Protein backbone atom coordinates (compact mmCIF):
# COMPACT_ATOMS: atom_id res chain seq x y z
CA UNK A 1 98.80 81.42 109.27
CA UNK A 2 96.95 84.59 108.12
CA UNK A 3 97.70 87.43 110.62
CA UNK A 4 94.78 89.97 110.66
CA UNK A 5 95.08 93.25 112.47
CA UNK A 6 91.91 95.37 113.54
CA UNK A 7 92.86 98.91 113.87
CA UNK A 8 91.52 102.27 113.72
CA UNK A 9 93.01 105.54 115.72
CA UNK A 10 89.16 106.54 116.38
CA UNK A 11 87.89 104.75 119.76
CA UNK A 12 84.50 103.45 119.88
CA UNK A 13 84.31 102.48 116.19
CA UNK A 14 83.98 98.49 116.96
CA UNK A 15 87.52 97.03 116.72
CA UNK A 16 86.78 94.59 119.66
CA UNK A 17 83.32 93.75 117.96
CA UNK A 18 84.99 92.93 114.90
CA UNK A 19 88.03 91.20 116.67
CA UNK A 20 85.66 88.82 118.79
CA UNK A 21 82.95 87.87 116.24
CA UNK A 22 85.78 87.02 113.52
CA UNK A 23 87.61 84.78 116.11
CA UNK A 24 84.56 82.95 117.19
CA UNK A 25 83.74 82.62 113.69
CA UNK A 26 86.82 81.37 112.48
CA UNK A 27 86.98 78.91 115.38
CA UNK A 28 83.45 77.60 114.70
CA UNK A 29 84.71 76.74 111.22
CA UNK A 30 87.18 74.28 112.80
CA UNK A 31 90.27 76.47 112.43
CA UNK A 32 92.99 77.16 114.84
CA UNK A 33 92.38 80.68 115.97
CA UNK A 34 94.13 83.03 118.45
CA UNK A 35 93.18 86.31 119.66
CA UNK A 36 95.62 88.89 120.63
CA UNK A 37 94.65 91.57 122.74
CA UNK A 38 96.84 94.98 122.56
CA UNK A 39 94.56 97.29 124.48
CA UNK A 40 95.12 97.61 128.30
CA UNK A 41 91.26 97.70 128.58
CA UNK A 42 91.36 94.16 127.91
CA UNK A 43 88.02 94.03 126.28
CA UNK A 44 88.63 90.90 124.02
CA UNK A 45 90.34 89.16 127.18
CA UNK A 46 87.50 89.93 129.12
CA UNK A 47 85.17 88.62 126.23
CA UNK A 48 87.48 85.23 125.95
CA UNK A 49 87.24 84.68 129.83
CA UNK A 50 83.24 84.68 129.55
CA UNK A 51 83.44 82.32 126.60
CA UNK A 52 81.79 79.10 127.47
CA UNK A 53 84.33 76.01 127.56
CA UNK A 54 81.39 74.15 125.24
CA UNK A 55 82.08 76.59 122.62
CA UNK A 56 85.08 76.09 119.99
CA UNK A 57 88.25 77.27 121.84
CA UNK A 58 90.32 80.45 120.81
CA UNK A 59 93.97 81.00 122.03
CA UNK A 60 93.89 84.00 123.78
CA UNK A 61 97.24 86.51 124.41
CA UNK A 62 97.07 89.65 126.57
CA UNK A 63 99.63 91.34 124.64
CA UNK A 64 99.64 94.36 126.44
CA UNK A 65 100.76 92.78 129.42
CA UNK A 66 104.57 92.51 130.37
CA UNK A 67 105.96 89.16 130.70
CA UNK A 68 105.97 87.28 133.91
CA UNK A 69 109.51 86.94 135.66
CA UNK A 70 111.30 84.24 134.15
CA UNK A 71 109.11 84.13 131.14
CA UNK A 72 110.37 85.83 127.70
CA UNK A 73 108.29 88.01 125.39
CA UNK A 74 108.87 85.27 122.45
CA UNK A 75 107.19 82.80 124.89
CA UNK A 76 104.32 85.10 125.83
CA UNK A 77 103.31 85.80 122.24
CA UNK A 78 103.71 82.33 121.23
CA UNK A 79 100.39 80.52 119.03
CA UNK A 80 99.75 76.80 118.84
CA UNK A 81 101.01 75.09 115.88
CA UNK A 82 97.75 74.69 114.43
CA UNK A 83 96.97 78.35 114.25
CA UNK A 84 95.30 79.07 110.83
CA UNK A 85 93.83 82.59 111.74
CA UNK A 86 95.74 85.05 114.30
CA UNK A 87 93.67 88.09 115.03
CA UNK A 88 94.80 91.12 116.72
CA UNK A 89 92.62 93.75 118.83
CA UNK A 90 94.38 97.38 118.84
CA UNK A 91 94.08 100.17 121.21
CA UNK A 92 92.58 103.74 120.04
CA UNK A 93 95.18 106.39 119.44
CA UNK A 94 98.00 104.14 118.62
CA UNK A 95 101.32 106.04 118.76
CA UNK A 96 103.34 106.17 115.38
CA UNK A 97 105.74 103.51 116.13
CA UNK A 98 102.94 101.34 117.23
CA UNK A 99 101.54 101.67 114.04
CA UNK A 100 104.69 100.59 111.81
CA UNK A 101 104.79 97.73 114.23
CA UNK A 102 101.26 96.48 113.84
CA UNK A 103 101.61 96.91 110.05
CA UNK A 104 104.93 95.00 109.60
CA UNK A 105 103.29 92.19 111.61
CA UNK A 106 100.04 92.05 109.74
CA UNK A 107 99.06 90.42 106.36
CA UNK A 108 95.76 92.25 106.36
CA UNK A 109 94.30 95.34 108.50
CA UNK A 110 90.70 95.53 108.86
CA UNK A 111 89.34 99.34 109.79
CA UNK A 112 86.22 99.60 111.29
CA UNK A 113 84.30 102.93 110.43
CA UNK A 114 80.92 104.17 111.89
CA UNK A 115 78.60 106.41 109.81
CA UNK A 116 79.63 109.78 111.47
CA UNK A 117 81.33 113.02 110.03
CA UNK A 118 83.78 112.59 112.89
CA UNK A 119 84.71 109.00 112.32
CA UNK A 120 84.77 109.68 108.31
CA UNK A 121 87.48 112.11 108.73
CA UNK A 122 89.54 110.33 111.56
CA UNK A 123 89.30 107.27 109.42
CA UNK A 124 90.91 109.22 106.37
CA UNK A 125 93.48 110.47 108.34
CA UNK A 126 94.22 107.00 109.79
CA UNK A 127 94.41 105.52 106.43
CA UNK A 128 97.07 107.81 105.32
CA UNK A 129 99.04 107.12 108.39
CA UNK A 130 98.74 103.41 107.55
CA UNK A 131 100.04 104.12 103.89
CA UNK A 132 102.88 106.83 104.97
CA UNK A 133 104.01 106.32 108.59
CA UNK A 134 103.22 102.33 108.72
CA UNK A 135 104.66 101.78 105.44
CA UNK A 136 101.66 99.35 104.13
CA UNK A 137 102.88 99.22 100.83
CA UNK A 138 106.49 98.21 101.41
CA UNK A 139 105.17 95.28 104.02
CA UNK A 140 102.61 94.16 101.30
CA UNK A 141 100.00 94.86 103.99
CA UNK A 142 96.55 94.56 102.47
CA UNK A 143 93.58 97.31 103.92
CA UNK A 144 90.05 96.63 104.09
CA UNK A 145 87.06 98.30 105.54
CA UNK A 146 84.20 97.23 107.74
CA UNK A 147 81.48 99.65 108.27
CA UNK A 148 79.96 99.07 111.79
CA UNK A 149 76.27 100.10 112.91
CA UNK A 150 75.16 100.56 109.67
CA UNK A 151 71.45 101.02 108.83
CA UNK A 152 69.93 101.05 105.56
CA UNK A 153 68.89 104.06 103.93
CA UNK A 154 69.97 106.85 106.39
CA UNK A 155 71.82 109.90 105.31
CA UNK A 156 74.77 109.03 107.52
CA UNK A 157 75.20 105.60 105.61
CA UNK A 158 74.75 107.39 102.51
CA UNK A 159 77.73 109.76 103.39
CA UNK A 160 79.87 106.70 104.67
CA UNK A 161 79.25 105.22 101.13
CA UNK A 162 80.26 108.07 99.17
CA UNK A 163 83.53 108.42 101.48
CA UNK A 164 84.47 104.95 100.73
CA UNK A 165 83.85 104.91 97.18
CA UNK A 166 86.60 107.65 96.99
CA UNK A 167 89.16 105.55 99.05
CA UNK A 168 88.80 103.01 96.60
CA UNK A 169 89.53 100.54 99.41
CA UNK A 170 87.19 97.52 99.59
CA UNK A 171 84.45 97.35 102.03
CA UNK A 172 84.18 93.49 102.99
CA UNK A 173 81.48 93.69 105.55
CA UNK A 174 78.74 95.74 106.92
CA UNK A 175 77.65 95.33 110.37
CA UNK A 176 73.95 95.96 111.13
CA UNK A 177 73.12 98.06 114.21
CA UNK A 178 71.56 95.57 116.55
CA UNK A 179 71.74 94.88 120.28
CA UNK A 180 72.43 91.03 119.36
CA UNK A 181 76.12 91.78 119.19
CA UNK A 182 75.96 93.45 122.80
CA UNK A 183 74.28 90.29 123.88
CA UNK A 184 76.79 88.20 122.38
CA UNK A 185 79.91 90.05 123.65
CA UNK A 186 78.28 89.79 127.32
CA UNK A 187 78.26 85.88 126.97
CA UNK A 188 81.69 85.50 125.24
CA UNK A 189 79.91 84.63 121.99
CA UNK A 190 80.03 85.71 118.23
CA UNK A 191 76.76 86.75 116.90
CA UNK A 192 76.16 83.50 114.92
CA UNK A 193 76.49 81.72 117.92
CA UNK A 194 73.40 83.02 119.70
CA UNK A 195 70.34 80.98 119.61
CA UNK A 196 67.95 83.78 118.23
CA UNK A 197 66.61 83.30 115.06
CA UNK A 198 67.17 86.89 113.92
CA UNK A 199 70.72 86.90 114.83
CA UNK A 200 71.57 83.98 112.41
CA UNK A 201 71.03 86.03 109.59
CA UNK A 202 74.13 88.29 110.87
CA UNK A 203 76.51 84.67 110.40
CA UNK A 204 76.42 85.57 106.75
CA UNK A 205 78.51 89.02 107.20
CA UNK A 206 81.14 87.02 109.03
CA UNK A 207 81.20 84.26 106.19
CA UNK A 208 81.65 86.67 103.53
CA UNK A 209 84.22 88.79 105.47
CA UNK A 210 86.20 85.41 106.00
CA UNK A 211 86.04 84.46 102.43
CA UNK A 212 87.41 87.96 101.51
CA UNK A 213 90.35 87.21 103.67
CA UNK A 214 91.11 83.89 102.55
CA UNK A 215 90.93 85.00 98.64
CA UNK A 216 92.69 88.55 98.80
CA UNK A 217 96.25 89.51 99.79
CA UNK A 218 98.47 92.07 98.58
CA UNK A 219 98.05 94.69 95.84
CA UNK A 220 97.33 98.38 96.25
CA UNK A 221 94.18 100.60 94.87
CA UNK A 222 94.81 103.71 92.81
CA UNK A 223 94.05 106.13 95.67
CA UNK A 224 96.58 104.32 97.88
CA UNK A 225 99.32 105.08 95.20
CA UNK A 226 98.22 108.41 94.79
CA UNK A 227 98.91 109.11 98.62
CA UNK A 228 102.26 107.39 98.40
CA UNK A 229 103.16 109.45 95.19
CA UNK A 230 102.22 112.68 96.54
CA UNK A 231 104.32 112.19 99.98
CA UNK A 232 107.44 111.39 97.70
CA UNK A 233 106.79 114.24 95.36
């Protein structure tokens, strides 16, 4: 089972969009998929409740809730035996203790980022927290970035690309700025499950993302090593 956590301390960057679309794509490929929601806003759980029964099933866990009386936390957090992908949606502004817990539990952390100066600076700080506080290297947790609401040939995107090149952390997908994601979310679907012909081109985004996840685990970039060395100096 591959454990994937979608994280960024900055709110509104698209964590739920990434988590739900990835979960629906994995399920549509016939893989056992579990979706955990640690955010009390419960956006992923609302999406899952809206999901039509005719679509491939996804096992949902409202991880932000306390267990019901007589139910242990371990039982609440269990997943079906055939689960191949466990995807976790996390809240904005994670406390330091939460960061370390989420890093320890994940094989891969996907970091969504928007093309704005505020989001760029916030993401840089968050990546440092993942490496230094969350101890991603010790846990051998891989980091990857997904850019959200990107429009080609804009200044904001060009600035974002320069920032990402400096980080040397792989950008594994670029999510288009399209209302199709809003429409899919309202119906409990992934964008690749919409009937609109224009939305089908976005299925390739999630195919490439899943391919990267299946083929890349462990290992750290020069940027990550430099941060860790600076901290220990």
